[in-house]
C-alpha atoms as a PDB file:
ATOM      1  CA  MET A   1     -19.140  -6.399  -0.314  1.00  0.00           C
ATOM      2  CA  LYS A   2     -16.485  -5.295   2.150  1.00  0.00           C
ATOM      3  CA  LEU A   3     -12.901  -5.229   0.992  1.00  0.00           C
ATOM      4  CA  LEU A   4      -9.824  -5.465   3.181  1.00  0.00           C
ATOM      5  CA  ARG A   5      -7.514  -2.551   2.381  1.00  0.00           C
ATOM      6  CA  HIS A   6      -3.796  -2.571   3.196  1.00  0.00           C
ATOM      7  CA  LEU A   7      -2.533   1.014   2.935  1.00  0.00           C
ATOM      8  CA  VAL A   8       1.238   1.516   2.865  1.00  0.00           C
ATOM      9  CA  LEU A   9       2.740   5.011   2.959  1.00  0.00           C
ATOM     10  CA  LEU A  10       6.463   5.437   2.337  1.00  0.00           C
ATOM     11  CA  SER A  11       9.037   8.160   2.712  1.00  0.00           C
ATOM     12  CA  PHE A  12      12.381   7.529   1.100  1.00  0.00           C
ATOM     13  CA  LYS A  13      15.848   8.329   2.384  1.00  0.00           C
ATOM     14  CA  ASP A  14      17.323  11.626   1.193  1.00  0.00           C
ATOM     15  CA  ASN A  15      20.026   9.927  -0.884  1.00  0.00           C
ATOM     16  CA  VAL A  16      17.563   7.754  -2.825  1.00  0.00           C
ATOM     17  CA  SER A  17      17.313   8.679  -6.504  1.00  0.00           C
ATOM     18  CA  PRO A  18      14.103   8.815  -8.562  1.00  0.00           C
ATOM     19  CA  SER A  19      15.267   5.698 -10.426  1.00  0.00           C
ATOM     20  CA  ASP A  20      15.702   3.893  -7.090  1.00  0.00           C
ATOM     21  CA  ILE A  21      12.170   4.895  -6.085  1.00  0.00           C
ATOM     22  CA  ASP A  22      10.929   3.618  -9.445  1.00  0.00           C
ATOM     23  CA  LEU A  23      12.724   0.318  -8.812  1.00  0.00           C
ATOM     24  CA  VAL A  24      11.090  -0.043  -5.384  1.00  0.00           C
ATOM     25  CA  THR A  25       7.661   0.751  -6.829  1.00  0.00           C
ATOM     26  CA  LYS A  26       8.060  -1.699  -9.721  1.00  0.00           C
ATOM     27  CA  SER A  27       9.204  -4.399  -7.315  1.00  0.00           C
ATOM     28  CA  PHE A  28       6.189  -3.740  -5.078  1.00  0.00           C
ATOM     29  CA  VAL A  29       3.761  -3.762  -8.031  1.00  0.00           C
ATOM     30  CA  LYS A  30       5.256  -7.044  -9.259  1.00  0.00           C
ATOM     31  CA  LEU A  31       4.012  -8.765  -6.088  1.00  0.00           C
ATOM     32  CA  GLN A  32       0.518  -8.674  -7.584  1.00  0.00           C
ATOM     33  CA  GLN A  33       1.690 -11.107 -10.274  1.00  0.00           C
ATOM     34  CA  GLU A  34       3.474 -13.325  -7.760  1.00  0.00           C
ATOM     35  CA  ILE A  35       0.915 -13.502  -4.945  1.00  0.00           C
ATOM     36  CA  ARG A  36      -2.515 -14.507  -6.197  1.00  0.00           C
ATOM     37  CA  GLU A  37      -4.264 -13.407  -2.980  1.00  0.00           C
ATOM     38  CA  ILE A  38      -3.748  -9.745  -3.893  1.00  0.00           C
ATOM     39  CA  GLU A  39      -7.112  -8.754  -5.350  1.00  0.00           C
ATOM     40  CA  GLY A  40      -6.047  -5.255  -6.374  1.00  0.00           C
ATOM     41  CA  PHE A  41      -3.074  -2.911  -6.284  1.00  0.00           C
ATOM     42  CA  GLU A  42      -2.984   0.871  -6.618  1.00  0.00           C
ATOM     43  CA  SER A  43      -0.116   3.297  -6.215  1.00  0.00           C
ATOM     44  CA  GLY A  44       0.534   7.007  -6.443  1.00  0.00           C
ATOM     45  CA  ILE A  45       2.590   9.980  -5.365  1.00  0.00           C
ATOM     46  CA  ASN A  46       1.348  12.472  -2.789  1.00  0.00           C
ATOM     47  CA  CYS A  47      -0.300  15.453  -4.443  1.00  0.00           C
ATOM     48  CA  SER A  48      -2.063  17.005  -1.454  1.00  0.00           C
ATOM     49  CA  MET A  49      -1.887  20.768  -1.157  1.00  0.00           C
ATOM     50  CA  GLU A  50      -2.683  20.584   2.560  1.00  0.00           C
ATOM     51  CA  GLY A  51       0.883  19.722   3.569  1.00  0.00           C
ATOM     52  CA  LEU A  52      -0.242  17.089   6.077  1.00  0.00           C
ATOM     53  CA  ASN A  53       1.539  14.091   4.543  1.00  0.00           C
ATOM     54  CA  LYS A  54       4.261  14.067   7.244  1.00  0.00           C
ATOM     55  CA  ASN A  55       6.989  13.410   4.649  1.00  0.00           C
ATOM     56  CA  TYR A  56       5.248  10.350   3.184  1.00  0.00           C
ATOM     57  CA  SER A  57       5.644  10.762  -0.553  1.00  0.00           C
ATOM     58  CA  HIS A  58       4.329   7.501  -2.026  1.00  0.00           C
ATOM     59  CA  GLY A  59       1.186   5.530  -1.269  1.00  0.00           C
ATOM     60  CA  TYR A  60       0.243   1.964  -2.115  1.00  0.00           C
ATOM     61  CA  MET A  61      -3.160   0.364  -1.579  1.00  0.00           C
ATOM     62  CA  LEU A  62      -3.493  -3.399  -1.736  1.00  0.00           C
ATOM     63  CA  THR A  63      -6.904  -5.037  -1.642  1.00  0.00           C
ATOM     64  CA  PHE A  64      -7.755  -8.445  -0.207  1.00  0.00           C
ATOM     65  CA  LEU A  65     -11.004 -10.369   0.076  1.00  0.00           C
ATOM     66  CA  SER A  66     -10.281 -11.939   3.484  1.00  0.00           C
ATOM     67  CA  ASN A  67      -8.016 -11.805   6.516  1.00  0.00           C
ATOM     68  CA  GLU A  68      -6.609 -15.147   5.414  1.00  0.00           C
ATOM     69  CA  ASP A  69      -5.640 -13.714   2.018  1.00  0.00           C
ATOM     70  CA  MET A  70      -3.818 -10.831   3.679  1.00  0.00           C
ATOM     71  CA  ASP A  71      -2.079 -13.207   6.102  1.00  0.00           C
ATOM     72  CA  THR A  72      -0.907 -15.279   3.137  1.00  0.00           C
ATOM     73  CA  TYR A  73       0.468 -12.116   1.520  1.00  0.00           C
ATOM     74  CA  LEU A  74       2.184 -10.925   4.703  1.00  0.00           C
ATOM     75  CA  ASN A  75       3.973 -14.248   5.164  1.00  0.00           C
ATOM     76  CA  HIS A  76       4.624 -14.991   1.487  1.00  0.00           C
ATOM     77  CA  PRO A  77       8.341 -15.446   0.656  1.00  0.00           C
ATOM     78  CA  LYS A  78       8.087 -12.898  -2.196  1.00  0.00           C
ATOM     79  CA  HIS A  79       6.645 -10.261   0.155  1.00  0.00           C
ATOM     80  CA  LEU A  80       9.324 -10.961   2.761  1.00  0.00           C
ATOM     81  CA  GLU A  81      11.970 -10.700   0.042  1.00  0.00           C
ATOM     82  CA  PHE A  82      10.540  -7.345  -1.072  1.00  0.00           C
ATOM     83  CA  LYS A  83      10.551  -6.030   2.496  1.00  0.00           C
ATOM     84  CA  GLU A  84      14.197  -6.939   2.939  1.00  0.00           C
ATOM     85  CA  PHE A  85      15.171  -5.417  -0.427  1.00  0.00           C
ATOM     86  CA  SER A  86      13.259  -2.155   0.088  1.00  0.00           C
ATOM     87  CA  GLN A  87      14.630  -1.424   3.582  1.00  0.00           C
ATOM     88  CA  ALA A  88      17.774   0.065   2.057  1.00  0.00           C
ATOM     89  CA  TYR A  89      15.685   2.813   0.421  1.00  0.00           C
ATOM     90  CA  ILE A  90      12.928   3.530   2.948  1.00  0.00           C
ATOM     91  CA  ASP A  91      13.280   6.184   5.623  1.00  0.00           C
ATOM     92  CA  ASP A  92       9.873   5.612   7.227  1.00  0.00           C
ATOM     93  CA  LEU A  93       6.624   3.796   6.568  1.00  0.00           C
ATOM     94  CA  LEU A  94       3.102   3.681   7.843  1.00  0.00           C
ATOM     95  CA  VAL A  95       0.800   0.701   7.399  1.00  0.00           C
ATOM     96  CA  PHE A  96      -2.932   0.991   8.005  1.00  0.00           C
ATOM     97  CA  ASP A  97      -5.318  -1.914   7.414  1.00  0.00           C
ATOM     98  CA  PHE A  98      -9.084  -1.525   7.345  1.00  0.00           C
ATOM     99  CA  TRP A  99     -12.263  -3.119   6.091  1.00  0.00           C
ATOM    100  CA  ALA A 100     -13.704  -0.649   3.585  1.00  0.00           C
ATOM    101  CA  ASN A 101     -17.383   0.109   3.324  1.00  0.00           C
ATOM    102  CA  ARG A 102     -18.493   1.630   0.064  1.00  0.00           C
ATOM    103  CA  ILE A 103     -20.980   4.331   0.945  1.00  0.00           C
ATOM    104  CA  LEU A 104     -23.195   5.521  -1.886  1.00  0.00           C
ATOM    105  CA  PRO A 105     -24.696   9.030  -1.730  1.00  0.00           C
ATOM    106  CA  GLU A 106     -28.146   7.591  -0.973  1.00  0.00           C
ATOM    107  CA  GLN A 107     -26.697   5.728   2.038  1.00  0.00           C
ATOM    108  CA  VAL A 108     -25.195   8.748   3.817  1.00  0.00           C
ATOM    109  CA  GLU A 109     -28.119   9.061   6.225  1.00  0.00           C
ATOM    110  CA  GLU A 110     -27.411   5.543   7.533  1.00  0.00           C
ATOM    111  CA  PHE A 111     -23.975   6.657   8.789  1.00  0.00           C
ATOM    112  CA  ARG A 112     -24.996   9.803  10.703  1.00  0.00           C
END
């Protein structure tokens, strides 16, 4: 089964405190309870030692089962409210949507 992934990477303004970042994250996570089309939600802080994160410090991965579900999320009043609220804290963001294929070790040859 393919899953639609909505990857959001954030960098926060220099004057934003850790408690402000926590507030933004909790508000984002809460959308999963308010928008039933969100199939899954994951979040984390950059821990790469490669130094290629381009100042993005926090990542969020939302999962949807269809384009229609993601469209509902994108236009949902609670999501729009979150976007407006979080703008005061966010310096930059990157959004990347993709249909994920789970590739098991025995399937690697199919993708070469």
